[in-house]
Amino acid sequence: MFEDYLQRIVGFLETMGVTAYTDERLGIYLDGKKISGSAQCIHKNRVMYHCTLLFSANLDVLHTVLKGKSDELESIPGLKNIRAVPSVPSEVVNLNCFLDVSVNIKRFIHLLFHYFLIEDEKNSIYHFSRKDLAAIELLKVEKYANEDWIHHRVTLKKI
């Protein structure tokens, strides 16, 4: 089931002229380097799936952050109770290196959303109502764009 969602991302990349492939851990790769990881679950007959797309990160900073010391992570209260699949280190690359130089992040996002809107119509996938979109925007503003939520782990380290 989750592979279907993953293949939709790969299908989008193909429309951009990028030939990507997946692995058994549901990652997406270009020339042997990872550009995407994903997470998914099924809860109360609903599927939640999300994936990243590494577009134009500072890879030096990314490597530094990902080398976090496990003893520092273990000191965060409640972290031991989190059920997650351990990360497997992979060599990564920015997706924008494989795209036409005229495709910046804003254009990429526009094309991605357009692709999925068309795909959703073909597959009769649920469309958000105006009320849904308003609730999503409110949640974004009140929670997910809140500096305290974004930097929650930093706050926990200070405890």
C-alpha atoms as a PDB file:
ATOM      1  CA  MET A   1       0.000   0.000   0.000  1.00  0.00           C
ATOM      2  CA  PHE A   2       2.667   2.538   1.000  1.00  0.00           C
ATOM      3  CA  GLU A   3       4.590   1.723  -2.164  1.00  0.00           C
ATOM      4  CA  ASP A   4       1.692   3.209  -4.153  1.00  0.00           C
ATOM      5  CA  TYR A   5       2.226   6.583  -2.510  1.00  0.00           C
ATOM      6  CA  LEU A   6       5.955   6.331  -3.042  1.00  0.00           C
ATOM      7  CA  GLN A   7       5.469   5.522  -6.718  1.00  0.00           C
ATOM      8  CA  ARG A   8       3.315   8.630  -7.115  1.00  0.00           C
ATOM      9  CA  ILE A   9       6.304  10.733  -6.037  1.00  0.00           C
ATOM     10  CA  VAL A  10       8.573   8.833  -8.447  1.00  0.00           C
ATOM     11  CA  GLY A  11       5.969   9.412 -11.182  1.00  0.00           C
ATOM     12  CA  PHE A  12       6.042  13.133 -10.505  1.00  0.00           C
ATOM     13  CA  LEU A  13       9.835  13.177 -10.687  1.00  0.00           C
ATOM     14  CA  GLU A  14       9.628  11.432 -14.065  1.00  0.00           C
ATOM     15  CA  THR A  15       7.494  14.314 -15.367  1.00  0.00           C
ATOM     16  CA  MET A  16      10.386  16.566 -14.336  1.00  0.00           C
ATOM     17  CA  GLY A  17      12.840  14.489 -16.374  1.00  0.00           C
ATOM     18  CA  VAL A  18      14.339  12.796 -13.318  1.00  0.00           C
ATOM     19  CA  THR A  19      14.659   9.011 -13.258  1.00  0.00           C
ATOM     20  CA  ALA A  20      14.500   7.934  -9.630  1.00  0.00           C
ATOM     21  CA  TYR A  21      14.168   4.536  -7.992  1.00  0.00           C
ATOM     22  CA  THR A  22      13.053   3.247  -4.605  1.00  0.00           C
ATOM     23  CA  ASP A  23      14.317   0.715  -2.100  1.00  0.00           C
ATOM     24  CA  GLU A  24      12.749  -1.657   0.417  1.00  0.00           C
ATOM     25  CA  ARG A  25      12.892   1.019   3.131  1.00  0.00           C
ATOM     26  CA  LEU A  26      10.735   3.327   0.980  1.00  0.00           C
ATOM     27  CA  GLY A  27      13.512   5.768   0.186  1.00  0.00           C
ATOM     28  CA  ILE A  28      13.947   7.465  -3.193  1.00  0.00           C
ATOM     29  CA  TYR A  29      17.356   7.563  -4.867  1.00  0.00           C
ATOM     30  CA  LEU A  30      19.116   9.230  -7.783  1.00  0.00           C
ATOM     31  CA  ASP A  31      22.437   7.837  -8.953  1.00  0.00           C
ATOM     32  CA  GLY A  32      22.815   5.809  -5.759  1.00  0.00           C
ATOM     33  CA  LYS A  33      22.226   8.785  -3.448  1.00  0.00           C
ATOM     34  CA  LYS A  34      19.151   9.359  -1.342  1.00  0.00           C
ATOM     35  CA  ILE A  35      16.847  12.304  -1.996  1.00  0.00           C
ATOM     36  CA  SER A  36      13.848  11.144   0.035  1.00  0.00           C
ATOM     37  CA  GLY A  37      12.845   9.207   3.106  1.00  0.00           C
ATOM     38  CA  SER A  38       9.328   8.455   4.262  1.00  0.00           C
ATOM     39  CA  ALA A  39       7.229   7.452   7.211  1.00  0.00           C
ATOM     40  CA  GLN A  40       3.795   5.938   7.289  1.00  0.00           C
ATOM     41  CA  CYS A  41       1.196   4.295   9.459  1.00  0.00           C
ATOM     42  CA  ILE A  42      -2.379   3.057   9.401  1.00  0.00           C
ATOM     43  CA  HIS A  43      -4.630   4.248  12.215  1.00  0.00           C
ATOM     44  CA  LYS A  44      -8.405   3.771  12.459  1.00  0.00           C
ATOM     45  CA  ASN A  45      -8.705   2.789   8.780  1.00  0.00           C
ATOM     46  CA  ARG A  46      -6.786   5.873   7.664  1.00  0.00           C
ATOM     47  CA  VAL A  47      -3.406   5.957   6.032  1.00  0.00           C
ATOM     48  CA  MET A  48      -0.889   8.599   6.957  1.00  0.00           C
ATOM     49  CA  TYR A  49       2.090   8.847   4.663  1.00  0.00           C
ATOM     50  CA  HIS A  50       4.693  11.535   4.294  1.00  0.00           C
ATOM     51  CA  CYS A  51       8.028  11.820   2.616  1.00  0.00           C
ATOM     52  CA  THR A  52      10.800  14.346   2.385  1.00  0.00           C
ATOM     53  CA  LEU A  53      12.371  15.629  -0.791  1.00  0.00           C
ATOM     54  CA  LEU A  54      15.879  16.980  -0.288  1.00  0.00           C
ATOM     55  CA  PHE A  55      15.790  19.886  -2.707  1.00  0.00           C
ATOM     56  CA  SER A  56      18.662  22.272  -1.953  1.00  0.00           C
ATOM     57  CA  ALA A  57      20.016  21.725   1.538  1.00  0.00           C
ATOM     58  CA  ASN A  58      23.438  22.744   2.747  1.00  0.00           C
ATOM     59  CA  LEU A  59      24.822  19.201   2.812  1.00  0.00           C
ATOM     60  CA  ASP A  60      27.732  20.102   5.111  1.00  0.00           C
ATOM     61  CA  VAL A  61      25.303  21.357   7.750  1.00  0.00           C
ATOM     62  CA  LEU A  62      23.024  18.359   7.188  1.00  0.00           C
ATOM     63  CA  HIS A  63      25.877  15.904   7.762  1.00  0.00           C
ATOM     64  CA  THR A  64      26.911  17.745  10.926  1.00  0.00           C
ATOM     65  CA  VAL A  65      23.377  17.682  12.338  1.00  0.00           C
ATOM     66  CA  LEU A  66      22.847  14.020  11.475  1.00  0.00           C
ATOM     67  CA  LYS A  67      25.999  13.046  13.393  1.00  0.00           C
ATOM     68  CA  GLY A  68      24.175  13.948  16.646  1.00  0.00           C
ATOM     69  CA  LYS A  69      25.508  12.141  19.690  1.00  0.00           C
ATOM     70  CA  SER A  70      23.158   9.376  20.856  1.00  0.00           C
ATOM     71  CA  ASP A  71      23.833  10.150  24.539  1.00  0.00           C
ATOM     72  CA  GLU A  72      22.508  13.691  23.977  1.00  0.00           C
ATOM     73  CA  LEU A  73      19.376  12.295  22.326  1.00  0.00           C
ATOM     74  CA  GLU A  74      18.821   9.784  25.149  1.00  0.00           C
ATOM     75  CA  SER A  75      18.748  12.623  27.695  1.00  0.00           C
ATOM     76  CA  ILE A  76      15.575  14.071  26.150  1.00  0.00           C
ATOM     77  CA  PRO A  77      12.609  13.179  28.384  1.00  0.00           C
ATOM     78  CA  GLY A  78      10.088  10.866  26.714  1.00  0.00           C
ATOM     79  CA  LEU A  79      12.279  10.068  23.744  1.00  0.00           C
ATOM     80  CA  LYS A  80      12.776   6.457  24.836  1.00  0.00           C
ATOM     81  CA  ASN A  81       9.026   5.880  24.534  1.00  0.00           C
ATOM     82  CA  ILE A  82       8.870   6.904  20.885  1.00  0.00           C
ATOM     83  CA  ARG A  83       8.227   3.988  18.535  1.00  0.00           C
ATOM     84  CA  ALA A  84      10.201   4.593  15.365  1.00  0.00           C
ATOM     85  CA  VAL A  85      12.316   2.710  12.892  1.00  0.00           C
ATOM     86  CA  PRO A  86      15.992   3.552  13.434  1.00  0.00           C
ATOM     87  CA  SER A  87      17.590   5.683  10.767  1.00  0.00           C
ATOM     88  CA  VAL A  88      20.040   4.062   8.375  1.00  0.00           C
ATOM     89  CA  PRO A  89      22.778   6.437   7.225  1.00  0.00           C
ATOM     90  CA  SER A  90      22.777   7.031   3.467  1.00  0.00           C
ATOM     91  CA  GLU A  91      24.746   9.230   1.140  1.00  0.00           C
ATOM     92  CA  VAL A  92      22.459  12.049   0.045  1.00  0.00           C
ATOM     93  CA  VAL A  93      22.228  14.509  -2.816  1.00  0.00           C
ATOM     94  CA  ASN A  94      20.093  17.559  -3.548  1.00  0.00           C
ATOM     95  CA  LEU A  95      17.313  17.021  -6.047  1.00  0.00           C
ATOM     96  CA  ASN A  96      17.860  20.417  -7.648  1.00  0.00           C
ATOM     97  CA  CYS A  97      21.180  19.126  -9.035  1.00  0.00           C
ATOM     98  CA  PHE A  98      19.137  16.912 -11.387  1.00  0.00           C
ATOM     99  CA  LEU A  99      16.645  19.560 -12.515  1.00  0.00           C
ATOM    100  CA  ASP A 100      16.738  22.265 -15.127  1.00  0.00           C
ATOM    101  CA  VAL A 101      18.330  25.366 -13.575  1.00  0.00           C
ATOM    102  CA  SER A 102      15.118  27.337 -14.202  1.00  0.00           C
ATOM    103  CA  VAL A 103      13.239  25.185 -11.654  1.00  0.00           C
ATOM    104  CA  ASN A 104      13.589  26.901  -8.294  1.00  0.00           C
ATOM    105  CA  ILE A 105      11.908  25.676  -5.108  1.00  0.00           C
ATOM    106  CA  LYS A 106       8.754  27.759  -5.618  1.00  0.00           C
ATOM    107  CA  ARG A 107       8.289  26.462  -9.165  1.00  0.00           C
ATOM    108  CA  PHE A 108       8.979  22.903  -7.995  1.00  0.00           C
ATOM    109  CA  ILE A 109       6.343  23.128  -5.253  1.00  0.00           C
ATOM    110  CA  HIS A 110       3.824  24.589  -7.707  1.00  0.00           C
ATOM    111  CA  LEU A 111       4.416  21.747 -10.186  1.00  0.00           C
ATOM    112  CA  LEU A 112       4.263  19.127  -7.428  1.00  0.00           C
ATOM    113  CA  PHE A 113       0.928  20.375  -6.106  1.00  0.00           C
ATOM    114  CA  HIS A 114      -0.480  20.660  -9.624  1.00  0.00           C
ATOM    115  CA  TYR A 115       0.586  17.079 -10.379  1.00  0.00           C
ATOM    116  CA  PHE A 116      -1.107  15.738  -7.270  1.00  0.00           C
ATOM    117  CA  LEU A 117      -4.294  17.712  -7.826  1.00  0.00           C
ATOM    118  CA  ILE A 118      -4.631  16.141 -11.268  1.00  0.00           C
ATOM    119  CA  GLU A 119      -3.746  12.680  -9.902  1.00  0.00           C
ATOM    120  CA  ASP A 120      -6.278  13.093  -7.115  1.00  0.00           C
ATOM    121  CA  GLU A 121      -9.039  13.848  -9.611  1.00  0.00           C
ATOM    122  CA  LYS A 122      -8.158  10.694 -11.592  1.00  0.00           C
ATOM    123  CA  ASN A 123      -8.126   8.535  -8.459  1.00  0.00           C
ATOM    124  CA  SER A 124     -11.161  10.099  -6.725  1.00  0.00           C
ATOM    125  CA  ILE A 125      -9.113  11.001  -3.661  1.00  0.00           C
ATOM    126  CA  TYR A 126     -10.704  13.210  -1.001  1.00  0.00           C
ATOM    127  CA  HIS A 127     -10.579  16.939  -1.712  1.00  0.00           C
ATOM    128  CA  PHE A 128     -10.273  19.412   1.123  1.00  0.00           C
ATOM    129  CA  SER A 129     -13.257  21.716   1.601  1.00  0.00           C
ATOM    130  CA  ARG A 130     -12.866  25.425   2.363  1.00  0.00           C
ATOM    131  CA  LYS A 131     -13.643  24.550   5.998  1.00  0.00           C
ATOM    132  CA  ASP A 132     -10.882  21.887   5.967  1.00  0.00           C
ATOM    133  CA  LEU A 133      -8.394  24.352   4.485  1.00  0.00           C
ATOM    134  CA  ALA A 134      -9.298  26.994   7.083  1.00  0.00           C
ATOM    135  CA  ALA A 135      -8.797  24.455   9.899  1.00  0.00           C
ATOM    136  CA  ILE A 136      -5.455  23.391   8.408  1.00  0.00           C
ATOM    137  CA  GLU A 137      -4.305  27.012   8.155  1.00  0.00           C
ATOM    138  CA  LEU A 138      -5.338  27.667  11.757  1.00  0.00           C
ATOM    139  CA  LEU A 139      -3.422  24.581  12.941  1.00  0.00           C
ATOM    140  CA  LYS A 140      -0.375  25.722  10.985  1.00  0.00           C
ATOM    141  CA  VAL A 141      -0.462  29.216  12.489  1.00  0.00           C
ATOM    142  CA  GLU A 142      -1.271  28.172  16.050  1.00  0.00           C
ATOM    143  CA  LYS A 143       0.947  25.099  16.272  1.00  0.00           C
ATOM    144  CA  TYR A 144       3.283  24.085  13.470  1.00  0.00           C
ATOM    145  CA  ALA A 145       4.625  27.556  12.609  1.00  0.00           C
ATOM    146  CA  ASN A 146       5.078  28.336  16.304  1.00  0.00           C
ATOM    147  CA  GLU A 147       8.725  28.765  17.286  1.00  0.00           C
ATOM    148  CA  ASP A 148       8.159  26.831  20.529  1.00  0.00           C
ATOM    149  CA  TRP A 149       6.869  23.803  18.612  1.00  0.00           C
ATOM    150  CA  ILE A 150       9.593  24.002  15.964  1.00  0.00           C
ATOM    151  CA  HIS A 151      12.373  24.170  18.535  1.00  0.00           C
ATOM    152  CA  HIS A 152      10.746  21.848  21.080  1.00  0.00           C
ATOM    153  CA  ARG A 153      13.737  19.500  21.249  1.00  0.00           C
ATOM    154  CA  VAL A 154      16.072  22.405  21.908  1.00  0.00           C
ATOM    155  CA  THR A 155      13.799  23.479  24.772  1.00  0.00           C
ATOM    156  CA  LEU A 156      13.798  19.934  26.187  1.00  0.00           C
ATOM    157  CA  LYS A 157      17.604  19.817  26.150  1.00  0.00           C
ATOM    158  CA  LYS A 158      17.704  22.911  28.368  1.00  0.00           C
ATOM    159  CA  ILE A 159      15.574  21.197  31.064  1.00  0.00           C
END
